[in-house]
Amino acid sequence: MDTYTYSIGNNLYVNLTNRCSNRCAFCVRDQSAQYEGYSLWLKGEEPSAEQIIEQIGDPARYAEIVFCGYGEPTYRLEDMLAVCKAVHEKGGKTRLNTNGHGSALNGRDIAPELKGHLDGVNISLNAPNEKDYNKICRPQIENAFGEMLAFAKSCKESGVNCWFSAVDCIGEEKIADCYALAQSVGIPLHVREMIENKRK
């Protein structure tokens, strides 16, 4: 059976899709079919909002319901927002981990639609400029770096609680440049340790 939700620590993670507009060099999904003992490659159809809501049950049991699986959640925007609505109605909190391509993928600025549905949006920056971004994140869409920055700026302007993240494997110099870029647009940057996912 496919894994649609999985718990790590105090959070419950939602695996809406395996589709992604990046092919990041450091991505855990390229290291193994499993993560933390969960098989996150979907062999069947993507889950419906109703299936996810049923599997979540009482969201207040968790610190956060996090949209983060082996793909980019904003491919499933409408279903994600439906799950957010149900989670909030039951007293839960929501977070989106995204590569920031959601507006490009949906053909419109989606940031205003996220306000009130997501308590936090973590936007993967991972590079301080387009050249490095294309090398590290290997995007499958045009102007991916620009699209990501435009999405982040729109989230801020729309009043969405958002921040950038970067993996430490890109090196201290590029991390410093990422901090400078984040500061220039007024969005915080969180640096995280690169995740090692052993092959299984």
Protein backbone atom coordinates (compact mmCIF):
# COMPACT_ATOMS: atom_id res chain seq x y z
CA MET A 1 0.00 0.00 0.00
CA ASP A 2 1.30 3.47 -0.87
CA THR A 3 2.35 5.80 1.94
CA TYR A 4 0.25 8.97 1.94
CA THR A 5 1.11 10.17 5.45
CA TYR A 6 4.06 9.38 7.70
CA SER A 7 5.11 10.56 11.15
CA ILE A 8 8.58 11.68 12.21
CA GLY A 9 9.03 13.13 15.67
CA ASN A 10 6.00 15.22 16.61
CA ASN A 11 5.00 16.00 13.02
CA LEU A 12 2.86 14.21 10.46
CA TYR A 13 4.04 14.53 6.87
CA VAL A 14 1.80 14.37 3.81
CA ASN A 15 3.07 12.71 0.62
CA LEU A 16 0.70 14.17 -2.00
CA THR A 17 2.74 13.52 -5.14
CA ASN A 18 6.06 12.29 -6.52
CA ARG A 19 6.05 14.90 -9.29
CA CYS A 20 8.74 17.56 -8.92
CA SER A 21 9.99 20.44 -11.04
CA ASN A 22 13.55 20.09 -9.69
CA ARG A 23 16.08 17.27 -9.74
CA CYS A 24 18.20 18.47 -6.83
CA ALA A 25 21.64 16.91 -6.62
CA PHE A 26 21.24 16.30 -2.86
CA CYS A 27 17.62 15.06 -2.84
CA VAL A 28 16.91 12.10 -0.56
CA ARG A 29 14.54 10.55 -3.10
CA ASP A 30 17.47 9.87 -5.43
CA GLN A 31 19.32 8.07 -2.67
CA SER A 32 16.65 5.53 -1.72
CA ALA A 33 13.07 4.41 -2.37
CA GLN A 34 12.54 4.68 1.39
CA TYR A 35 12.94 7.43 3.95
CA GLU A 36 12.97 6.82 7.71
CA GLY A 37 11.56 3.36 7.00
CA TYR A 38 8.68 4.65 4.87
CA SER A 39 8.36 3.81 1.18
CA LEU A 40 7.46 7.19 -0.35
CA TRP A 41 7.37 6.32 -4.05
CA LEU A 42 3.72 6.21 -5.08
CA LYS A 43 3.01 3.19 -7.25
CA GLY A 44 -0.71 3.87 -7.65
CA GLU A 45 -2.79 7.02 -8.03
CA GLU A 46 -2.06 10.15 -6.04
CA PRO A 47 -4.18 10.38 -2.87
CA SER A 48 -7.36 12.44 -2.74
CA ALA A 49 -7.88 15.15 -0.15
CA GLU A 50 -10.49 12.90 1.50
CA GLN A 51 -8.00 10.05 1.84
CA ILE A 52 -5.42 12.35 3.42
CA ILE A 53 -7.93 13.88 5.82
CA GLU A 54 -9.06 10.40 6.89
CA GLN A 55 -5.47 9.27 7.52
CA ILE A 56 -4.64 12.40 9.52
CA GLY A 57 -7.52 11.84 11.91
CA ASP A 58 -7.09 14.28 14.80
CA PRO A 59 -4.43 16.77 13.64
CA ALA A 60 -4.12 18.25 17.12
CA ARG A 61 -2.13 15.13 18.06
CA TYR A 62 0.78 16.53 16.05
CA ALA A 63 2.84 19.69 16.31
CA GLU A 64 2.35 20.28 12.58
CA ILE A 65 0.87 18.68 9.50
CA VAL A 66 3.65 19.15 6.93
CA PHE A 67 3.21 18.88 3.18
CA CYS A 68 6.52 17.30 2.25
CA GLY A 69 6.96 13.95 0.52
CA TYR A 70 8.89 12.79 -2.53
CA GLY A 71 7.46 15.57 -4.74
CA GLU A 72 6.42 19.22 -4.92
CA PRO A 73 3.10 19.60 -3.04
CA THR A 74 1.89 22.63 -5.03
CA TYR A 75 1.27 20.37 -8.03
CA ARG A 76 -1.76 19.37 -5.90
CA LEU A 77 -2.70 22.88 -4.79
CA GLU A 78 -6.48 22.48 -4.55
CA ASP A 79 -6.27 19.23 -2.59
CA MET A 80 -3.57 20.64 -0.33
CA LEU A 81 -5.73 23.66 0.51
CA ALA A 82 -8.72 21.39 1.18
CA VAL A 83 -6.62 19.37 3.64
CA CYS A 84 -5.39 22.60 5.27
CA LYS A 85 -8.96 23.75 5.77
CA ALA A 86 -9.92 20.47 7.44
CA VAL A 87 -6.81 20.51 9.65
CA HIS A 88 -7.49 24.06 10.84
CA GLU A 89 -11.13 23.26 11.54
CA LYS A 90 -9.91 20.54 13.92
CA GLY A 91 -7.35 22.75 15.66
CA GLY A 92 -4.22 21.63 13.84
CA LYS A 93 -1.31 23.57 12.33
CA THR A 94 0.01 23.31 8.78
CA ARG A 95 3.32 23.85 7.01
CA LEU A 96 4.39 23.64 3.39
CA ASN A 97 7.90 22.66 2.31
CA THR A 98 8.19 23.85 -1.28
CA ASN A 99 10.68 24.57 -4.04
CA GLY A 100 8.77 27.79 -4.72
CA HIS A 101 7.62 26.89 -8.22
CA GLY A 102 3.92 26.70 -7.33
CA SER A 103 2.88 29.85 -9.17
CA ALA A 104 4.66 28.74 -12.34
CA LEU A 105 3.16 25.25 -12.08
CA ASN A 106 -0.37 26.57 -11.62
CA GLY A 107 -0.16 29.43 -14.10
CA ARG A 108 -1.04 32.14 -11.57
CA ASP A 109 0.24 33.79 -8.41
CA ILE A 110 -0.86 31.29 -5.75
CA ALA A 111 0.68 33.08 -2.76
CA PRO A 112 -2.53 35.00 -1.81
CA GLU A 113 -4.41 31.67 -1.77
CA LEU A 114 -2.03 30.28 0.85
CA LYS A 115 -2.79 32.95 3.44
CA GLY A 116 -5.04 31.56 6.15
CA HIS A 117 -4.44 27.99 4.99
CA LEU A 118 -0.78 27.53 5.90
CA ASP A 119 0.81 28.51 9.19
CA GLY A 120 4.27 28.40 7.64
CA VAL A 121 5.87 28.11 4.21
CA ASN A 122 9.45 26.86 3.93
CA ILE A 123 10.88 27.84 0.53
CA SER A 124 14.01 25.99 -0.66
CA LEU A 125 16.57 28.57 -1.79
CA ASN A 126 19.75 26.47 -1.83
CA ALA A 127 21.69 28.84 -4.10
CA PRO A 128 22.43 32.59 -4.18
CA ASN A 129 22.10 33.04 -7.94
CA GLU A 130 20.58 31.51 -11.05
CA LYS A 131 23.79 29.84 -12.28
CA ASP A 132 24.38 27.99 -9.02
CA TYR A 133 20.68 27.21 -8.66
CA ASN A 134 20.54 25.56 -12.08
CA LYS A 135 23.64 23.52 -11.27
CA ILE A 136 22.50 22.37 -7.81
CA CYS A 137 18.72 22.10 -8.22
CA ARG A 138 18.64 21.10 -11.91
CA PRO A 139 15.18 22.63 -12.57
CA GLN A 140 12.85 21.21 -15.20
CA ILE A 141 11.05 24.52 -15.85
CA GLU A 142 12.24 27.79 -17.37
CA ASN A 143 13.34 30.70 -15.18
CA ALA A 144 13.05 28.50 -12.10
CA PHE A 145 15.25 30.68 -9.89
CA GLY A 146 13.30 33.81 -10.82
CA GLU A 147 9.99 32.02 -10.30
CA MET A 148 11.09 30.89 -6.85
CA LEU A 149 12.13 34.39 -5.81
CA ALA A 150 8.93 35.93 -7.17
CA PHE A 151 6.87 33.38 -5.23
CA ALA A 152 8.78 34.13 -2.02
CA LYS A 153 8.31 37.88 -2.43
CA SER A 154 4.59 37.42 -3.13
CA CYS A 155 4.22 35.25 -0.02
CA LYS A 156 5.76 38.02 2.07
CA GLU A 157 3.60 40.70 0.45
CA SER A 158 0.49 38.55 0.97
CA GLY A 159 1.18 38.19 4.69
CA VAL A 160 2.12 34.52 4.52
CA ASN A 161 4.57 33.43 7.24
CA CYS A 162 7.50 32.28 5.12
CA TRP A 163 11.24 31.70 5.24
CA PHE A 164 14.00 30.42 2.99
CA SER A 165 16.00 27.29 3.67
CA ALA A 166 19.37 26.15 2.35
CA VAL A 167 21.31 22.92 2.81
CA ASP A 168 24.74 23.23 4.36
CA CYS A 169 26.35 21.07 1.65
CA ILE A 170 26.58 24.07 -0.72
CA GLY A 171 29.50 25.47 1.28
CA GLU A 172 30.11 28.39 3.63
CA GLU A 173 30.70 30.98 0.90
CA LYS A 174 27.43 30.24 -0.90
CA ILE A 175 25.60 30.09 2.43
CA ALA A 176 26.89 33.59 3.19
CA ASP A 177 25.67 34.77 -0.22
CA CYS A 178 22.27 33.16 0.44
CA TYR A 179 22.02 35.09 3.72
CA ALA A 180 22.75 38.30 1.82
CA LEU A 181 20.10 37.53 -0.80
CA ALA A 182 17.52 36.62 1.83
CA GLN A 183 18.24 39.82 3.75
CA SER A 184 17.86 41.88 0.56
CA VAL A 185 14.26 40.69 0.14
CA GLY A 186 13.47 40.73 3.87
CA ILE A 187 12.84 37.01 4.27
CA PRO A 188 14.63 34.94 6.97
CA LEU A 189 16.99 32.11 5.99
CA HIS A 190 17.29 28.84 7.89
CA VAL A 191 20.31 26.65 7.13
CA ARG A 192 19.71 22.94 7.55
CA GLU A 193 21.96 19.93 7.61
CA MET A 194 21.98 17.83 4.45
CA ILE A 195 19.97 14.65 4.97
CA GLU A 196 21.74 11.37 4.29
CA ASN A 197 19.32 8.66 3.17
CA LYS A 198 20.83 5.19 2.98
CA ARG A 199 19.87 3.09 -0.01
CA LYS A 200 17.44 0.24 0.63
